[in-house]
């Protein structure tokens, strides 16, 4: 399993919360998590043989921003190889 941490810089004035949208690269549906009062997000328990992508929206009161620039994280090859997943040491 892998842990992913995304950090960003808050605008001024700082939003009250952020929503992080993330998914396995190439899939259709995003999962979301809300972050209150901080400029980082950590998700553990992810499959390290998958690549991930996403974006962030901020909320100030009742206003929600447009999506941020997207981010992406590639496959963690050593983890994947040691777990016997794709790209691993097959029989």
N, C-alpha and C. Protein backbone atom coordinates (compact mmCIF):
# COMPACT_ATOMS: atom_id res chain seq x y z
N UNK A 1 0.83 -1.18 0.00
CA UNK A 1 0.00 0.00 0.00
C UNK A 1 0.88 1.25 0.00
N UNK A 2 0.34 2.32 -0.55
CA UNK A 2 1.10 3.57 -0.69
C UNK A 2 0.35 4.72 -0.03
N UNK A 3 1.10 5.76 0.30
CA UNK A 3 0.54 6.99 0.84
C UNK A 3 0.87 8.13 -0.11
N UNK A 4 -0.12 8.96 -0.38
CA UNK A 4 0.03 10.09 -1.29
C UNK A 4 -0.23 11.37 -0.51
N UNK A 5 0.67 12.36 -0.64
CA UNK A 5 0.47 13.66 -0.01
C UNK A 5 0.55 14.74 -1.08
N UNK A 6 -0.44 15.60 -1.12
CA UNK A 6 -0.48 16.74 -2.04
C UNK A 6 -0.47 18.00 -1.18
N UNK A 7 0.37 18.97 -1.54
CA UNK A 7 0.39 20.26 -0.83
C UNK A 7 0.18 21.38 -1.84
N UNK A 8 -0.33 22.52 -1.36
CA UNK A 8 -0.58 23.66 -2.23
C UNK A 8 -0.44 24.93 -1.42
N UNK A 9 -0.43 26.06 -2.11
CA UNK A 9 -0.32 27.37 -1.47
C UNK A 9 -1.69 28.03 -1.43
N UNK A 10 -2.07 28.52 -0.28
CA UNK A 10 -3.38 29.16 -0.11
C UNK A 10 -3.35 30.56 -0.70
N UNK A 11 -4.44 30.95 -1.35
CA UNK A 11 -4.55 32.35 -1.80
C UNK A 11 -4.88 33.24 -0.60
N UNK A 12 -4.88 34.55 -0.81
CA UNK A 12 -5.26 35.49 0.23
C UNK A 12 -6.54 36.19 -0.18
N UNK A 13 -7.57 36.21 0.60
CA UNK A 13 -7.69 35.56 1.91
C UNK A 13 -7.82 34.05 1.74
N UNK A 14 -7.39 33.34 2.77
CA UNK A 14 -7.40 31.87 2.72
C UNK A 14 -8.83 31.33 2.72
N UNK A 15 -9.11 30.33 1.89
CA UNK A 15 -10.43 29.70 1.88
C UNK A 15 -10.72 28.99 3.20
N UNK A 16 -11.99 28.75 3.46
CA UNK A 16 -12.37 28.04 4.68
C UNK A 16 -12.14 26.54 4.55
N UNK A 17 -12.19 26.02 3.32
CA UNK A 17 -11.94 24.60 3.11
C UNK A 17 -11.57 24.34 1.66
N UNK A 18 -11.08 23.14 1.42
CA UNK A 18 -10.72 22.69 0.07
C UNK A 18 -11.36 21.32 -0.13
N UNK A 19 -11.70 21.02 -1.37
CA UNK A 19 -12.15 19.67 -1.72
C UNK A 19 -11.13 19.09 -2.68
N UNK A 20 -10.59 17.93 -2.32
CA UNK A 20 -9.62 17.24 -3.16
C UNK A 20 -10.37 16.18 -3.95
N UNK A 21 -10.21 16.22 -5.26
CA UNK A 21 -10.79 15.22 -6.17
C UNK A 21 -9.65 14.34 -6.64
N UNK A 22 -9.78 13.02 -6.52
CA UNK A 22 -8.71 12.12 -6.95
C UNK A 22 -9.30 10.84 -7.52
N UNK A 23 -8.52 10.19 -8.40
CA UNK A 23 -8.94 8.93 -9.00
C UNK A 23 -7.72 8.20 -9.56
N UNK A 24 -7.90 6.92 -9.83
CA UNK A 24 -6.87 6.17 -10.54
C UNK A 24 -6.86 6.70 -11.97
N UNK A 25 -5.68 7.01 -12.48
CA UNK A 25 -5.55 7.56 -13.83
C UNK A 25 -6.25 6.67 -14.85
N UNK A 26 -7.06 7.30 -15.69
CA UNK A 26 -7.76 6.59 -16.74
C UNK A 26 -9.14 6.08 -16.36
N UNK A 27 -9.52 6.20 -15.08
CA UNK A 27 -10.86 5.79 -14.67
C UNK A 27 -11.80 6.99 -14.78
N UNK A 28 -13.08 6.76 -14.61
CA UNK A 28 -14.08 7.80 -14.86
C UNK A 28 -14.43 8.62 -13.63
N UNK A 29 -14.69 7.99 -12.50
CA UNK A 29 -15.24 8.68 -11.33
C UNK A 29 -14.16 9.13 -10.36
N UNK A 30 -14.35 10.36 -9.84
CA UNK A 30 -13.47 10.90 -8.82
C UNK A 30 -14.02 10.58 -7.44
N UNK A 31 -13.13 10.32 -6.50
CA UNK A 31 -13.47 10.31 -5.08
C UNK A 31 -13.15 11.70 -4.55
N UNK A 32 -13.80 12.11 -3.47
CA UNK A 32 -13.54 13.44 -2.91
C UNK A 32 -13.33 13.36 -1.41
N UNK A 33 -12.53 14.29 -0.91
CA UNK A 33 -12.34 14.47 0.52
C UNK A 33 -12.20 15.96 0.79
N UNK A 34 -12.80 16.41 1.89
CA UNK A 34 -12.74 17.82 2.28
C UNK A 34 -11.63 18.03 3.29
N UNK A 35 -10.88 19.11 3.10
CA UNK A 35 -9.78 19.48 3.99
C UNK A 35 -10.14 20.83 4.62
N UNK A 36 -10.11 20.92 5.93
CA UNK A 36 -10.44 22.14 6.66
C UNK A 36 -9.18 22.79 7.22
N UNK A 37 -8.94 24.05 6.89
CA UNK A 37 -7.91 24.84 7.54
C UNK A 37 -6.47 24.40 7.34
N UNK A 38 -6.16 23.68 6.30
CA UNK A 38 -4.77 23.30 6.02
C UNK A 38 -4.55 23.26 4.52
N UNK A 39 -3.29 23.27 4.11
CA UNK A 39 -2.96 23.28 2.69
C UNK A 39 -2.21 22.02 2.27
N UNK A 40 -2.66 20.90 2.83
CA UNK A 40 -2.12 19.61 2.40
C UNK A 40 -3.18 18.55 2.62
N UNK A 41 -3.03 17.45 1.92
CA UNK A 41 -3.96 16.32 2.00
C UNK A 41 -3.14 15.05 1.88
N UNK A 42 -3.41 14.10 2.74
CA UNK A 42 -2.72 12.82 2.71
C UNK A 42 -3.74 11.70 2.64
N UNK A 43 -3.50 10.76 1.76
CA UNK A 43 -4.36 9.59 1.60
C UNK A 43 -3.48 8.35 1.67
N UNK A 44 -3.78 7.47 2.61
CA UNK A 44 -3.02 6.23 2.73
C UNK A 44 -3.88 5.07 2.27
N UNK A 45 -3.25 3.92 2.11
CA UNK A 45 -3.97 2.72 1.70
C UNK A 45 -4.20 2.63 0.20
N UNK A 46 -3.50 3.46 -0.58
CA UNK A 46 -3.65 3.43 -2.03
C UNK A 46 -2.81 2.29 -2.62
N UNK A 47 -3.24 1.77 -3.74
CA UNK A 47 -2.49 0.72 -4.43
C UNK A 47 -1.29 1.35 -5.12
N UNK A 48 -0.09 0.95 -4.73
CA UNK A 48 1.10 1.58 -5.30
C UNK A 48 1.38 1.14 -6.73
N UNK A 49 0.63 0.19 -7.25
CA UNK A 49 0.79 -0.20 -8.65
C UNK A 49 -0.10 0.62 -9.58
N UNK A 50 -0.87 1.56 -9.04
CA UNK A 50 -1.71 2.44 -9.83
C UNK A 50 -1.11 3.84 -9.88
N UNK A 51 -1.41 4.58 -10.93
CA UNK A 51 -1.08 6.00 -11.01
C UNK A 51 -2.35 6.77 -10.64
N UNK A 52 -2.19 7.94 -10.05
CA UNK A 52 -3.32 8.74 -9.58
C UNK A 52 -3.29 10.13 -10.18
N UNK A 53 -4.47 10.75 -10.31
CA UNK A 53 -4.59 12.12 -10.81
C UNK A 53 -5.73 12.80 -10.09
N UNK A 54 -5.74 14.14 -10.15
CA UNK A 54 -6.83 14.85 -9.50
C UNK A 54 -6.69 16.35 -9.61
N UNK A 55 -7.52 17.04 -8.86
CA UNK A 55 -7.51 18.49 -8.81
C UNK A 55 -8.14 18.93 -7.49
N UNK A 56 -8.08 20.23 -7.21
CA UNK A 56 -8.57 20.78 -5.94
C UNK A 56 -9.50 21.95 -6.23
N UNK A 57 -10.55 22.10 -5.43
CA UNK A 57 -11.41 23.28 -5.45
C UNK A 57 -11.39 23.88 -4.05
N UNK A 58 -11.45 25.20 -3.96
CA UNK A 58 -11.51 25.86 -2.65
C UNK A 58 -12.90 26.43 -2.42
N UNK A 59 -13.23 26.58 -1.13
CA UNK A 59 -14.53 27.14 -0.75
C UNK A 59 -14.33 28.29 0.22
N UNK A 60 -14.96 29.43 -0.11
CA UNK A 60 -14.99 30.60 0.78
C UNK A 60 -16.45 30.92 1.02
N UNK A 61 -16.94 30.63 2.21
CA UNK A 61 -18.35 30.84 2.50
C UNK A 61 -19.20 29.93 1.63
N UNK A 62 -20.03 30.54 0.77
CA UNK A 62 -20.88 29.74 -0.13
C UNK A 62 -20.32 29.69 -1.54
N UNK A 63 -19.16 30.29 -1.76
CA UNK A 63 -18.56 30.32 -3.10
C UNK A 63 -17.52 29.22 -3.26
N UNK A 64 -17.59 28.52 -4.39
CA UNK A 64 -16.62 27.46 -4.71
C UNK A 64 -15.83 27.87 -5.93
N UNK A 65 -14.54 27.66 -5.89
CA UNK A 65 -13.67 28.07 -6.99
C UNK A 65 -13.79 27.13 -8.19
N UNK A 66 -13.23 27.57 -9.29
CA UNK A 66 -13.04 26.69 -10.44
C UNK A 66 -11.99 25.65 -10.06
N UNK A 67 -11.90 24.54 -10.78
CA UNK A 67 -10.87 23.54 -10.46
C UNK A 67 -9.46 24.11 -10.61
N UNK A 68 -8.57 23.64 -9.77
CA UNK A 68 -7.16 24.00 -9.87
C UNK A 68 -6.57 23.32 -11.11
N UNK A 69 -5.32 23.64 -11.40
CA UNK A 69 -4.61 22.83 -12.39
C UNK A 69 -4.60 21.40 -11.88
N UNK A 70 -4.62 20.45 -12.79
CA UNK A 70 -4.64 19.05 -12.36
C UNK A 70 -3.25 18.61 -11.92
N UNK A 71 -3.20 17.57 -11.13
CA UNK A 71 -1.96 16.96 -10.70
C UNK A 71 -2.01 15.47 -11.04
N UNK A 72 -0.85 14.86 -11.15
CA UNK A 72 -0.80 13.42 -11.40
C UNK A 72 0.43 12.84 -10.72
N UNK A 73 0.32 11.58 -10.32
CA UNK A 73 1.40 10.87 -9.66
C UNK A 73 1.52 9.52 -10.33
N UNK A 74 2.70 9.16 -10.78
CA UNK A 74 2.91 7.90 -11.48
C UNK A 74 2.99 6.70 -10.56
N UNK A 75 3.14 5.54 -11.16
CA UNK A 75 3.27 4.27 -10.44
C UNK A 75 4.57 4.28 -9.65
N UNK A 76 4.52 3.76 -8.43
CA UNK A 76 5.70 3.65 -7.59
C UNK A 76 6.34 2.30 -7.89
N UNK A 77 7.29 2.26 -8.83
CA UNK A 77 7.82 1.02 -9.37
C UNK A 77 8.43 0.09 -8.33
N UNK A 78 9.31 0.53 -7.44
CA UNK A 78 9.87 -0.44 -6.48
C UNK A 78 8.80 -1.12 -5.64
N UNK A 79 7.79 -0.37 -5.21
CA UNK A 79 6.71 -0.95 -4.41
C UNK A 79 5.97 -1.98 -5.22
N UNK A 80 5.66 -1.61 -6.46
CA UNK A 80 4.90 -2.51 -7.34
C UNK A 80 5.70 -3.78 -7.60
N UNK A 81 7.00 -3.63 -7.88
CA UNK A 81 7.84 -4.80 -8.17
C UNK A 81 7.94 -5.71 -6.96
N UNK A 82 8.04 -5.13 -5.76
CA UNK A 82 8.19 -5.97 -4.57
C UNK A 82 6.91 -6.66 -4.18
N UNK A 83 5.76 -6.13 -4.63
CA UNK A 83 4.49 -6.76 -4.27
C UNK A 83 4.05 -7.79 -5.30
N UNK A 84 4.83 -7.93 -6.37
CA UNK A 84 4.49 -8.91 -7.39
C UNK A 84 3.39 -8.45 -8.33
N UNK A 85 3.06 -7.16 -8.31
CA UNK A 85 2.03 -6.63 -9.20
C UNK A 85 2.59 -6.37 -10.58
N UNK A 86 1.92 -5.54 -11.34
CA UNK A 86 2.36 -5.23 -12.69
C UNK A 86 3.80 -4.74 -12.67
N UNK A 87 4.61 -5.28 -13.54
CA UNK A 87 6.01 -4.90 -13.57
C UNK A 87 6.82 -5.61 -12.51
N UNK A 88 6.22 -6.53 -11.81
CA UNK A 88 6.93 -7.23 -10.74
C UNK A 88 7.75 -8.40 -11.27
N UNK A 89 8.29 -9.14 -10.36
CA UNK A 89 9.11 -10.29 -10.70
C UNK A 89 8.23 -11.51 -10.86
N UNK A 90 7.76 -11.73 -12.08
CA UNK A 90 6.85 -12.83 -12.35
C UNK A 90 7.50 -14.18 -12.17
N UNK A 91 6.72 -15.27 -12.33
CA UNK A 91 7.27 -16.62 -12.15
C UNK A 91 8.33 -16.97 -13.16
